[in-house]
Amino acid sequence: MTATDLILQETFDCIFRIDKNHLVTFWNKSMQALLGTNETNALNKNIFELFPSLREECYYYLDQAVIQENRSIDLPLLKLYKPVSGQEVVTRARFIPILDQGKVVGATGILGAYESHQTNESFFRNLLQSVVMNTNDAILITRAEPIDPPKGPKIIFANPAFTRMSGYSEREILGHTPRYLQGPGTSSQTKETIRRGLSNWESINCEILNYHKSGEPFWVDLGIVPVKNDEGFYTHWIAVQRDVTEKRKNMEKLENTNAYLEQQVQQRTADLESFSYFLGHDARQPMRTILSFSQLLQKELDSWGKSSEYLGYIKEAGKYLCDLVQSLEQLTLFSKEPVNKKSINLSLVLEKEIQSLQSTYDLTNLQTEISPAITLYGDHRLIQNLMGNILSNSFKYHRKGIPLILQIQKYTENNYDVVEMQDNGIGFDSTEIDSFKLFERGRTQADRPGFGIGLAICQKIVKRHGGHISIQSKPDEGTLVQIKLPKNYS
């Protein structure tokens, strides 16, 4: 036996050595005292058969980590059981590989002196403190009473995560109540739920809106539990808070997206219902006209008496259907085509559209009041169509026998360019119908040509520009159309 082995025989630590097959090659007196097995009976025996609880707790460390992977292992707290008595032994352990010419040939095990119950508690206390100080969740500890502000419950501890979350240092928050974090947006119902739980010494789980030191609101998932002493009296509250602001924002975005999609589905459904109704009523009549007068024309071919008149009816009905299809095609295209924005000379667009409409409607008695040099930022083709539809309504629904007066002005409001277009036409009751609903027409417009599609197209164009459009109208008092489009800041 070497001098080193003689020293190890007398040390208070329990020391053993094993070879690669786990057979004991050294066993000191402290191991004998621990297990009741002397060195003679231990040598060349499997360590895990001599010490079964060591197999359960440390087989991986001794065999895989130390012998197979050549690593040293420290276990600060290890619970083992004496083979005969079954008595619990709380110890610390170190396992070290034994090398011969660079190769692992076995392992040395060192079990620290027996740890007292007090030392065990101390270890767990230190371990718990490490967890509290390093966790990402904010932890507050308050006194149990009083629970009513401003005196209580007073904060006596805040971990570093609380400072990161709230902006308040431990020194700034100590002595205050957790209500210090609440603000104008904090739910009174949630505050009452917490107060009721505190009054009844109940655990509490909820989400609450708190405020950062900077004033910025943030949401937390809050858990509060009461703590008793050895006599069964409640002495403290422990509150654990996890920041869920991003989760709440994502949920709100998802809800808003779902609401938007639902709105779009409802709009599409309403459009389809309106379209189906229109096809079943308005579109059916010109088709019947074409069929009826075609049959009559066939009968009259021999005499040619009324053939010209019948052909006129057919032509009128065919033109009606062609215009209808063209309008529906525009409605579909303007919902899909990309918007290419640029600066537009709106005055020039208005001038060309008015000239074209005067020729179409043969209306010479016209008075216009248009702001000079109007410019807008938008897609030229779409804006041209927008203005054409609105002006067309003014011409189509003018009051017969009096001049048509058009007043068009532009001004700036907040971040929008606003264009207002006023006419003195027959008007309609804008509180009675939805002006932008497909195929919707007022009672005063029933005797004038049209489909009720133009304003629906206008609304889609304006929405695609990120703007707003509104209509105010009264029978015999004319119509005011207001268009708001975002300004160009480039």
Protein backbone atom coordinates (compact mmCIF):
# COMPACT_ATOMS: atom_id res chain seq x y z
CA MET A 1 0.00 0.00 0.00
CA THR A 2 1.41 3.38 -1.00
CA ALA A 3 1.87 6.32 1.35
CA THR A 4 -1.02 8.07 -0.41
CA ASP A 5 -3.27 5.09 0.21
CA LEU A 6 -2.28 5.08 3.90
CA ILE A 7 -3.37 8.71 4.17
CA LEU A 8 -6.63 8.05 2.30
CA GLN A 9 -7.36 5.16 4.67
CA GLU A 10 -7.48 7.59 7.61
CA THR A 11 -9.42 10.51 6.01
CA PHE A 12 -12.96 11.29 7.14
CA ASP A 13 -14.27 11.26 3.56
CA CYS A 14 -15.54 7.93 2.21
CA ILE A 15 -13.20 6.97 -0.65
CA PHE A 16 -13.28 3.98 -3.00
CA ARG A 17 -11.78 3.03 -6.34
CA ILE A 18 -13.22 0.78 -9.01
CA ASP A 19 -11.94 -0.59 -12.30
CA LYS A 20 -13.70 -0.38 -15.66
CA ASN A 21 -15.89 -3.36 -14.68
CA HIS A 22 -17.04 -1.58 -11.51
CA LEU A 23 -15.02 -3.93 -9.23
CA VAL A 24 -13.62 -2.38 -6.03
CA THR A 25 -9.81 -1.94 -5.94
CA PHE A 26 -9.60 0.38 -2.90
CA TRP A 27 -11.88 0.80 0.17
CA ASN A 28 -11.01 3.10 3.06
CA LYS A 29 -12.09 2.91 6.69
CA SER A 30 -14.77 5.59 6.30
CA MET A 31 -16.45 3.46 3.62
CA GLN A 32 -16.36 0.55 6.07
CA ALA A 33 -18.00 2.75 8.72
CA LEU A 34 -20.61 3.93 6.25
CA LEU A 35 -21.63 0.51 4.89
CA GLY A 36 -20.47 -1.88 7.60
CA THR A 37 -18.33 -3.79 5.08
CA ASN A 38 -14.56 -3.98 5.61
CA GLU A 39 -11.93 -3.72 2.88
CA THR A 40 -11.29 -7.47 2.72
CA ASN A 41 -14.92 -8.22 1.96
CA ALA A 42 -15.26 -5.30 -0.43
CA LEU A 43 -12.25 -5.82 -2.69
CA ASN A 44 -13.02 -7.29 -6.13
CA LYS A 45 -16.77 -6.94 -5.46
CA ASN A 46 -19.12 -4.93 -7.70
CA ILE A 47 -19.59 -1.51 -6.09
CA PHE A 48 -23.24 -1.39 -7.12
CA GLU A 49 -23.98 -4.74 -5.48
CA LEU A 50 -22.33 -3.55 -2.25
CA PHE A 51 -24.13 -0.20 -2.40
CA PRO A 52 -27.48 -0.63 -4.30
CA SER A 53 -28.71 2.95 -3.81
CA LEU A 54 -25.47 4.16 -5.44
CA ARG A 55 -26.58 2.29 -8.59
CA GLU A 56 -29.94 4.05 -8.58
CA GLU A 57 -28.44 7.52 -8.16
CA CYS A 58 -24.99 7.37 -9.76
CA TYR A 59 -24.64 4.52 -12.24
CA TYR A 60 -24.79 6.93 -15.20
CA TYR A 61 -22.20 9.30 -13.69
CA LEU A 62 -19.70 6.61 -12.72
CA ASP A 63 -19.99 4.43 -15.81
CA GLN A 64 -20.94 6.75 -18.69
CA ALA A 65 -19.56 10.15 -17.69
CA VAL A 66 -16.38 9.15 -15.81
CA ILE A 67 -15.25 5.80 -17.27
CA GLN A 68 -16.64 6.08 -20.82
CA GLU A 69 -16.27 9.84 -21.40
CA ASN A 70 -13.32 10.69 -19.11
CA ARG A 71 -15.14 13.42 -17.21
CA SER A 72 -14.98 14.46 -13.55
CA ILE A 73 -18.39 14.82 -11.90
CA ASP A 74 -19.39 16.81 -8.79
CA LEU A 75 -22.75 16.25 -7.12
CA PRO A 76 -23.31 18.85 -4.37
CA LEU A 77 -26.28 17.01 -2.87
CA LEU A 78 -26.74 13.25 -3.00
CA LYS A 79 -29.22 11.12 -1.06
CA LEU A 80 -28.12 7.50 -0.47
CA TYR A 81 -29.30 4.67 1.80
CA LYS A 82 -27.21 2.30 3.91
CA PRO A 83 -27.67 -1.25 2.58
CA VAL A 84 -28.46 -2.93 5.93
CA SER A 85 -30.30 -0.33 8.00
CA GLY A 86 -31.83 1.64 5.13
CA GLN A 87 -30.87 4.86 6.91
CA GLU A 88 -30.79 7.94 4.68
CA VAL A 89 -27.39 9.51 4.10
CA VAL A 90 -27.22 13.03 2.68
CA THR A 91 -23.78 13.69 1.27
CA ARG A 92 -21.83 15.36 -1.47
CA ALA A 93 -19.97 13.31 -4.07
CA ARG A 94 -17.08 13.64 -6.51
CA PHE A 95 -16.20 11.01 -9.13
CA ILE A 96 -12.80 11.24 -10.90
CA PRO A 97 -11.44 9.10 -13.77
CA ILE A 98 -8.24 7.05 -13.14
CA LEU A 99 -5.83 7.28 -16.06
CA ASP A 100 -3.04 4.93 -17.14
CA GLN A 101 -0.99 6.11 -20.15
CA GLY A 102 -3.80 8.46 -21.12
CA LYS A 103 -6.55 5.82 -21.01
CA VAL A 104 -9.30 5.54 -18.39
CA VAL A 105 -8.85 2.33 -16.37
CA GLY A 106 -11.26 3.05 -13.53
CA ALA A 107 -12.73 5.69 -11.25
CA THR A 108 -12.27 7.16 -7.79
CA GLY A 109 -15.34 8.01 -5.73
CA ILE A 110 -15.31 10.49 -2.85
CA LEU A 111 -18.37 10.84 -0.65
CA GLY A 112 -18.27 13.88 1.62
CA ALA A 113 -18.89 13.71 5.35
CA TYR A 114 -22.47 13.17 6.48
CA GLU A 115 -24.56 16.35 6.13
CA SER A 116 -26.81 17.37 9.01
CA HIS A 117 -30.50 18.23 8.48
CA GLN A 118 -29.69 21.90 9.02
CA THR A 119 -27.04 21.81 6.29
CA ASN A 120 -29.56 20.15 3.98
CA GLU A 121 -32.06 22.95 4.59
CA SER A 122 -29.33 25.50 4.01
CA PHE A 123 -28.51 23.95 0.65
CA PHE A 124 -32.12 24.03 -0.50
CA ARG A 125 -32.47 27.59 0.76
CA ASN A 126 -29.46 28.65 -1.29
CA LEU A 127 -30.78 26.74 -4.28
CA LEU A 128 -34.20 28.42 -4.00
CA GLN A 129 -32.59 31.85 -3.64
CA SER A 130 -30.60 31.23 -6.82
CA VAL A 131 -33.79 30.32 -8.70
CA VAL A 132 -35.67 33.41 -7.45
CA MET A 133 -32.83 35.79 -8.33
CA ASN A 134 -32.22 34.37 -11.81
CA THR A 135 -35.70 33.55 -13.08
CA ASN A 136 -37.25 35.62 -15.89
CA ASP A 137 -40.52 35.91 -13.95
CA ALA A 138 -40.97 38.94 -11.70
CA ILE A 139 -41.41 37.96 -8.03
CA LEU A 140 -42.75 40.18 -5.26
CA ILE A 141 -43.11 39.28 -1.58
CA THR A 142 -45.41 41.36 0.60
CA ARG A 143 -46.53 41.22 4.20
CA ALA A 144 -49.85 39.48 4.66
CA GLU A 145 -51.60 42.35 6.39
CA PRO A 146 -53.01 44.93 6.10
CA ILE A 147 -54.41 44.40 2.60
CA ASP A 148 -56.07 47.79 2.10
CA PRO A 149 -54.23 50.78 0.61
CA PRO A 150 -52.29 52.89 1.25
CA LYS A 151 -50.67 50.88 4.07
CA GLY A 152 -50.74 47.43 2.60
CA PRO A 153 -49.90 44.94 1.59
CA LYS A 154 -46.35 46.35 1.75
CA ILE A 155 -43.66 45.01 -0.56
CA ILE A 156 -40.61 43.63 1.30
CA PHE A 157 -38.80 41.93 -1.61
CA ALA A 158 -38.53 42.31 -5.40
CA ASN A 159 -36.23 40.21 -7.59
CA PRO A 160 -34.12 41.56 -10.51
CA ALA A 161 -36.68 40.36 -13.07
CA PHE A 162 -39.24 42.70 -11.48
CA THR A 163 -36.89 45.64 -12.06
CA ARG A 164 -36.43 44.66 -15.71
CA MET A 165 -40.17 44.32 -16.17
CA SER A 166 -41.39 47.45 -14.34
CA GLY A 167 -38.44 49.84 -14.42
CA TYR A 168 -38.58 50.25 -10.62
CA SER A 169 -35.56 49.24 -8.55
CA GLU A 170 -36.08 47.24 -5.37
CA ARG A 171 -35.26 50.33 -3.30
CA GLU A 172 -37.92 52.38 -5.14
CA ILE A 173 -40.66 49.81 -4.69
CA LEU A 174 -40.01 48.58 -1.12
CA GLY A 175 -42.66 49.77 1.31
CA HIS A 176 -45.19 50.41 -1.45
CA THR A 177 -48.22 48.26 -2.26
CA PRO A 178 -48.31 46.38 -5.62
CA ARG A 179 -51.20 48.71 -6.49
CA TYR A 180 -48.42 51.22 -7.16
CA LEU A 181 -48.10 49.56 -10.60
CA GLN A 182 -51.76 49.98 -11.49
CA GLY A 183 -53.16 52.86 -13.54
CA PRO A 184 -56.19 54.31 -15.32
CA GLY A 185 -56.53 51.35 -17.68
CA THR A 186 -56.40 48.69 -14.96
CA SER A 187 -59.73 46.86 -14.74
CA SER A 188 -61.67 47.70 -11.57
CA GLN A 189 -63.27 44.25 -11.79
CA THR A 190 -59.85 42.58 -11.77
CA LYS A 191 -58.75 44.74 -8.83
CA GLU A 192 -61.86 43.71 -6.90
CA THR A 193 -61.20 40.02 -7.72
CA ILE A 194 -57.68 40.35 -6.25
CA ARG A 195 -58.92 42.15 -3.15
CA ARG A 196 -61.58 39.52 -2.54
CA GLY A 197 -58.97 36.74 -2.85
CA LEU A 198 -56.62 38.48 -0.43
CA SER A 199 -59.43 38.96 2.08
CA ASN A 200 -60.24 35.23 1.98
CA TRP A 201 -56.58 34.02 1.98
CA GLU A 202 -57.11 32.39 -1.42
CA SER A 203 -54.66 31.80 -4.28
CA ILE A 204 -55.29 34.17 -7.19
CA ASN A 205 -54.64 33.77 -10.93
CA CYS A 206 -55.55 36.49 -13.42
CA GLU A 207 -54.25 38.84 -16.13
CA ILE A 208 -53.91 42.50 -15.17
CA LEU A 209 -52.76 45.71 -16.85
CA ASN A 210 -49.83 47.32 -15.00
CA TYR A 211 -47.79 50.41 -15.82
CA HIS A 212 -44.02 50.73 -16.30
CA LYS A 213 -42.11 53.47 -14.50
CA SER A 214 -42.06 55.31 -17.86
CA GLY A 215 -45.87 55.22 -17.99
CA GLU A 216 -46.00 52.53 -20.68
CA PRO A 217 -48.74 49.93 -19.97
CA PHE A 218 -47.94 46.22 -19.99
CA TRP A 219 -49.98 43.08 -19.35
CA VAL A 220 -48.93 40.40 -16.84
CA ASP A 221 -50.13 36.92 -16.03
CA LEU A 222 -50.34 37.20 -12.24
CA GLY A 223 -50.28 34.41 -9.66
CA ILE A 224 -50.58 35.20 -5.93
CA VAL A 225 -50.32 32.64 -3.10
CA PRO A 226 -50.49 33.08 0.70
CA VAL A 227 -47.69 31.74 2.93
CA LYS A 228 -48.19 30.28 6.46
CA ASN A 229 -45.69 30.02 9.31
CA ASP A 230 -45.16 26.93 11.49
CA GLU A 231 -48.06 27.98 13.72
CA GLY A 232 -50.46 28.10 10.79
CA PHE A 233 -50.78 31.89 10.59
CA TYR A 234 -50.59 33.68 7.25
CA THR A 235 -47.54 35.93 7.22
CA HIS A 236 -46.80 36.83 3.58
CA TRP A 237 -48.04 36.91 0.00
CA ILE A 238 -45.87 35.79 -2.92
CA ALA A 239 -46.76 37.22 -6.33
CA VAL A 240 -45.26 35.85 -9.56
CA GLN A 241 -45.75 37.94 -12.72
CA ARG A 242 -45.04 37.02 -16.33
CA ASP A 243 -45.14 39.66 -19.08
CA VAL A 244 -47.81 38.66 -21.63
CA THR A 245 -48.05 41.99 -23.49
CA GLU A 246 -46.90 40.53 -26.81
CA LYS A 247 -49.27 37.60 -26.43
CA ARG A 248 -52.15 40.00 -25.85
CA LYS A 249 -51.14 42.13 -28.86
CA ASN A 250 -50.97 39.04 -31.07
CA MET A 251 -54.39 37.92 -29.85
CA GLU A 252 -55.84 41.37 -30.57
CA LYS A 253 -54.29 41.33 -34.06
CA LEU A 254 -55.75 37.89 -34.67
CA GLU A 255 -59.19 39.01 -33.43
CA ASN A 256 -59.04 42.14 -35.61
CA THR A 257 -58.00 40.06 -38.61
CA ASN A 258 -60.83 37.62 -37.99
CA ALA A 259 -63.29 40.49 -37.61
CA TYR A 260 -62.04 42.05 -40.86
CA LEU A 261 -62.30 38.76 -42.72
CA GLU A 262 -65.79 38.20 -41.33
CA GLN A 263 -66.76 41.69 -42.47
CA GLN A 264 -65.36 40.97 -45.93
CA VAL A 265 -67.27 37.70 -46.13
CA GLN A 266 -70.48 39.46 -45.09
CA GLN A 267 -69.87 42.18 -47.69
CA ARG A 268 -69.19 39.63 -50.42
CA THR A 269 -72.32 37.70 -49.40
CA ALA A 270 -74.40 40.89 -49.45
CA ASP A 271 -73.01 41.78 -52.89
CA LEU A 272 -73.87 38.33 -54.22
CA GLU A 273 -77.37 38.52 -52.75
CA SER A 274 -77.87 41.96 -54.32
CA PHE A 275 -76.52 40.69 -57.61
CA SER A 276 -78.80 37.66 -57.55
CA TYR A 277 -81.79 39.86 -56.74
CA PHE A 278 -80.85 42.25 -59.54
CA LEU A 279 -80.49 39.45 -62.08
CA GLY A 280 -83.83 38.04 -60.97
CA HIS A 281 -85.65 41.35 -61.44
CA ASP A 282 -83.95 44.19 -63.33
CA ALA A 283 -81.91 42.12 -65.77
CA ARG A 284 -84.85 39.82 -66.56
CA GLN A 285 -86.96 42.59 -68.07
CA PRO A 286 -84.62 43.61 -70.95
CA MET A 287 -84.15 39.93 -71.76
CA ARG A 288 -87.91 39.53 -72.03
CA THR A 289 -88.05 42.68 -74.19
CA ILE A 290 -85.48 41.25 -76.60
CA LEU A 291 -87.30 37.93 -76.83
CA SER A 292 -90.79 39.46 -77.17
CA PHE A 293 -89.93 42.01 -79.82
CA SER A 294 -87.82 39.48 -81.73
CA GLN A 295 -90.94 37.30 -82.01
CA LEU A 296 -93.07 40.29 -83.01
CA LEU A 297 -90.47 41.37 -85.53
CA GLN A 298 -90.52 37.93 -87.07
CA LYS A 299 -94.30 38.19 -87.54
CA GLU A 300 -94.06 41.68 -89.02
CA LEU A 301 -91.32 40.98 -91.51
CA ASP A 302 -93.80 40.56 -94.28
CA SER A 303 -95.52 43.91 -93.77
CA TRP A 304 -92.53 45.88 -92.38
CA GLY A 305 -95.09 48.09 -90.66
CA LYS A 306 -93.63 48.21 -87.17
CA SER A 307 -90.31 46.46 -87.72
CA SER A 308 -88.27 49.64 -87.22
CA GLU A 309 -90.02 50.36 -83.91
CA TYR A 310 -89.42 46.79 -82.69
CA LEU A 311 -85.77 46.95 -83.70
CA GLY A 312 -85.42 50.11 -81.61
CA TYR A 313 -86.73 48.31 -78.53
CA ILE A 314 -84.34 45.41 -79.11
CA LYS A 315 -81.42 47.80 -79.56
CA GLU A 316 -82.30 49.66 -76.37
CA ALA A 317 -82.55 46.44 -74.33
CA GLY A 318 -79.29 45.11 -75.80
CA LYS A 319 -77.49 48.36 -74.98
CA TYR A 320 -78.83 48.15 -71.43
CA LEU A 321 -77.39 44.65 -70.99
CA CYS A 322 -74.05 45.65 -72.55
CA ASP A 323 -73.74 48.63 -70.19
CA LEU A 324 -74.65 46.39 -67.26
CA VAL A 325 -71.98 43.83 -68.12
CA GLN A 326 -69.41 46.60 -68.59
CA SER A 327 -70.25 48.08 -65.17
CA LEU A 328 -69.99 44.69 -63.47
CA GLU A 329 -66.67 44.10 -65.23
CA GLN A 330 -65.35 47.42 -63.91
CA LEU A 331 -66.48 46.53 -60.39
CA THR A 332 -64.48 43.28 -60.53
CA LEU A 333 -61.38 44.80 -62.13
CA PHE A 334 -61.15 47.71 -59.70
CA SER A 335 -61.22 45.25 -56.79
CA LYS A 336 -58.14 43.36 -58.07
CA GLU A 337 -55.87 45.60 -60.13
CA PRO A 338 -52.79 47.12 -58.42
CA VAL A 339 -52.88 50.79 -57.38
CA ASN A 340 -50.06 52.81 -58.95
CA LYS A 341 -50.04 56.18 -57.20
CA LYS A 342 -48.61 59.42 -58.57
CA SER A 343 -49.43 63.13 -58.59
CA ILE A 344 -52.55 63.83 -60.71
CA ASN A 345 -53.75 67.10 -62.27
CA LEU A 346 -57.34 66.67 -61.09
CA SER A 347 -58.48 69.93 -62.70
CA LEU A 348 -57.60 68.53 -66.13
CA VAL A 349 -59.33 65.21 -65.37
CA LEU A 350 -62.50 67.03 -64.30
CA GLU A 351 -62.46 69.26 -67.40
CA LYS A 352 -62.22 66.28 -69.77
CA GLU A 353 -64.93 64.29 -67.97
CA ILE A 354 -67.34 67.26 -67.93
CA GLN A 355 -66.82 67.91 -71.67
CA SER A 356 -67.48 64.23 -72.45
CA LEU A 357 -70.64 64.14 -70.31
CA GLN A 358 -71.99 67.38 -71.83
CA SER A 359 -71.76 65.76 -75.25
CA THR A 360 -73.34 62.51 -74.05
CA TYR A 361 -76.27 64.13 -72.24
CA ASP A 362 -76.57 67.09 -74.65
CA LEU A 363 -76.64 69.39 -71.64
CA THR A 364 -75.55 72.93 -72.49
CA ASN A 365 -77.15 74.72 -69.55
CA LEU A 366 -74.29 74.05 -67.10
CA GLN A 367 -72.58 76.23 -64.48
CA THR A 368 -69.33 75.03 -62.84
CA GLU A 369 -67.40 76.42 -59.85
CA ILE A 370 -64.11 74.48 -59.55
CA SER A 371 -61.09 75.35 -57.40
CA PRO A 372 -58.12 76.15 -59.65
CA ALA A 373 -55.06 73.85 -60.05
CA ILE A 374 -56.37 70.90 -58.01
CA THR A 375 -53.88 68.06 -57.59
CA LEU A 376 -54.34 64.64 -55.96
CA TYR A 377 -52.09 61.66 -55.20
CA GLY A 378 -53.45 58.40 -56.59
CA ASP A 379 -53.84 55.99 -59.48
CA HIS A 380 -54.69 58.12 -62.55
CA ARG A 381 -57.00 55.60 -64.24
CA LEU A 382 -58.89 54.80 -61.05
CA ILE A 383 -59.26 58.47 -60.05
CA GLN A 384 -60.50 59.27 -63.56
CA ASN A 385 -63.12 56.53 -63.26
CA LEU A 386 -64.04 57.76 -59.75
CA MET A 387 -64.65 61.31 -60.95
CA GLY A 388 -66.44 60.08 -64.07
CA ASN A 389 -68.92 58.05 -62.02
CA ILE A 390 -69.69 60.89 -59.61
CA LEU A 391 -70.05 63.51 -62.36
CA SER A 392 -72.16 61.11 -64.43
CA ASN A 393 -74.64 60.88 -61.54
CA SER A 394 -74.84 64.68 -61.39
CA PHE A 395 -75.62 64.86 -65.12
CA LYS A 396 -77.96 61.87 -65.05
CA TYR A 397 -80.00 63.10 -62.07
CA HIS A 398 -80.12 66.86 -62.84
CA ARG A 399 -83.39 68.70 -62.40
CA LYS A 400 -85.02 69.36 -65.74
CA GLY A 401 -85.72 72.94 -66.69
CA ILE A 402 -83.07 74.56 -64.49
CA PRO A 403 -79.28 74.88 -64.98
CA LEU A 404 -77.08 72.15 -63.53
CA ILE A 405 -74.67 73.72 -61.01
CA LEU A 406 -71.47 71.86 -60.08
CA GLN A 407 -69.29 73.11 -57.22
CA ILE A 408 -65.97 71.30 -56.70
CA GLN A 409 -63.38 72.32 -54.12
CA LYS A 410 -60.30 70.82 -52.50
CA TYR A 411 -58.76 71.45 -49.08
CA THR A 412 -56.47 69.70 -46.59
CA GLU A 413 -57.67 68.11 -43.35
CA ASN A 414 -55.15 66.44 -41.03
CA ASN A 415 -53.30 63.91 -43.21
CA TYR A 416 -55.87 63.87 -46.03
CA ASP A 417 -56.63 65.76 -49.22
CA VAL A 418 -60.39 66.37 -49.24
CA VAL A 419 -62.42 66.87 -52.45
CA GLU A 420 -66.06 67.97 -52.12
CA MET A 421 -68.40 67.74 -55.13
CA GLN A 422 -71.80 69.43 -54.77
CA ASP A 423 -74.62 69.49 -57.31
CA ASN A 424 -78.19 70.87 -57.33
CA GLY A 425 -79.78 67.74 -58.81
CA ILE A 426 -82.93 65.84 -57.83
CA GLY A 427 -81.13 64.25 -54.86
CA PHE A 428 -82.44 61.39 -52.74
CA ASP A 429 -82.91 60.52 -49.07
CA SER A 430 -79.40 59.37 -48.05
CA THR A 431 -80.74 58.34 -44.62
CA GLU A 432 -83.19 55.92 -46.27
CA ILE A 433 -80.78 53.78 -48.35
CA ASP A 434 -77.16 52.65 -48.34
CA SER A 435 -75.76 54.67 -51.23
CA PHE A 436 -72.82 52.30 -51.77
CA LYS A 437 -74.77 49.05 -51.76
CA LEU A 438 -74.83 47.26 -55.10
CA PHE A 439 -77.96 47.97 -57.20
CA GLU A 440 -79.39 50.29 -54.52
CA ARG A 441 -81.28 53.29 -55.91
CA GLY A 442 -83.43 55.99 -54.33
CA ARG A 443 -87.10 56.46 -55.16
CA THR A 444 -86.42 59.81 -56.86
CA GLN A 445 -84.00 58.09 -59.25
CA ALA A 446 -86.32 55.29 -60.38
CA ASP A 447 -87.31 56.95 -63.67
CA ARG A 448 -83.71 57.67 -64.70
CA PRO A 449 -81.37 55.13 -66.39
CA GLY A 450 -78.80 53.38 -64.21
CA PHE A 451 -77.96 50.20 -62.36
CA GLY A 452 -76.90 51.30 -58.86
CA ILE A 453 -73.34 50.10 -59.47
CA GLY A 454 -71.44 53.38 -59.97
CA LEU A 455 -71.21 54.40 -56.30
CA ALA A 456 -70.20 50.87 -55.29
CA ILE A 457 -67.31 51.20 -57.77
CA CYS A 458 -66.44 54.63 -56.30
CA GLN A 459 -66.28 53.21 -52.79
CA LYS A 460 -63.97 50.38 -53.84
CA ILE A 461 -61.63 52.81 -55.62
CA VAL A 462 -61.42 55.12 -52.59
CA LYS A 463 -60.89 52.22 -50.17
CA ARG A 464 -58.08 50.85 -52.34
CA HIS A 465 -56.38 54.24 -51.94
CA GLY A 466 -56.73 54.01 -48.15
CA GLY A 467 -59.33 56.79 -48.09
CA HIS A 468 -62.96 57.48 -47.18
CA ILE A 469 -66.02 58.54 -49.17
CA SER A 470 -69.36 59.81 -47.87
CA ILE A 471 -72.60 61.12 -49.39
CA GLN A 472 -75.17 63.58 -48.07
CA SER A 473 -78.33 64.11 -50.10
CA LYS A 474 -81.93 65.22 -49.78
CA PRO A 475 -84.73 65.10 -52.38
CA ASP A 476 -84.81 68.28 -54.53
CA GLU A 477 -81.81 69.73 -52.65
CA GLY A 478 -78.95 68.08 -54.50
CA THR A 479 -76.09 65.82 -53.42
CA LEU A 480 -72.73 66.40 -51.69
CA VAL A 481 -69.98 63.80 -52.20
CA GLN A 482 -66.91 64.08 -49.96
CA ILE A 483 -63.73 62.15 -50.83
CA LYS A 484 -60.73 61.90 -48.47
CA LEU A 485 -57.47 60.50 -49.83
CA PRO A 486 -54.12 60.24 -47.94
CA LYS A 487 -51.66 63.02 -48.72
CA ASN A 488 -48.34 62.25 -50.40
CA TYR A 489 -45.35 62.95 -48.11
CA SER A 490 -42.64 61.64 -50.40
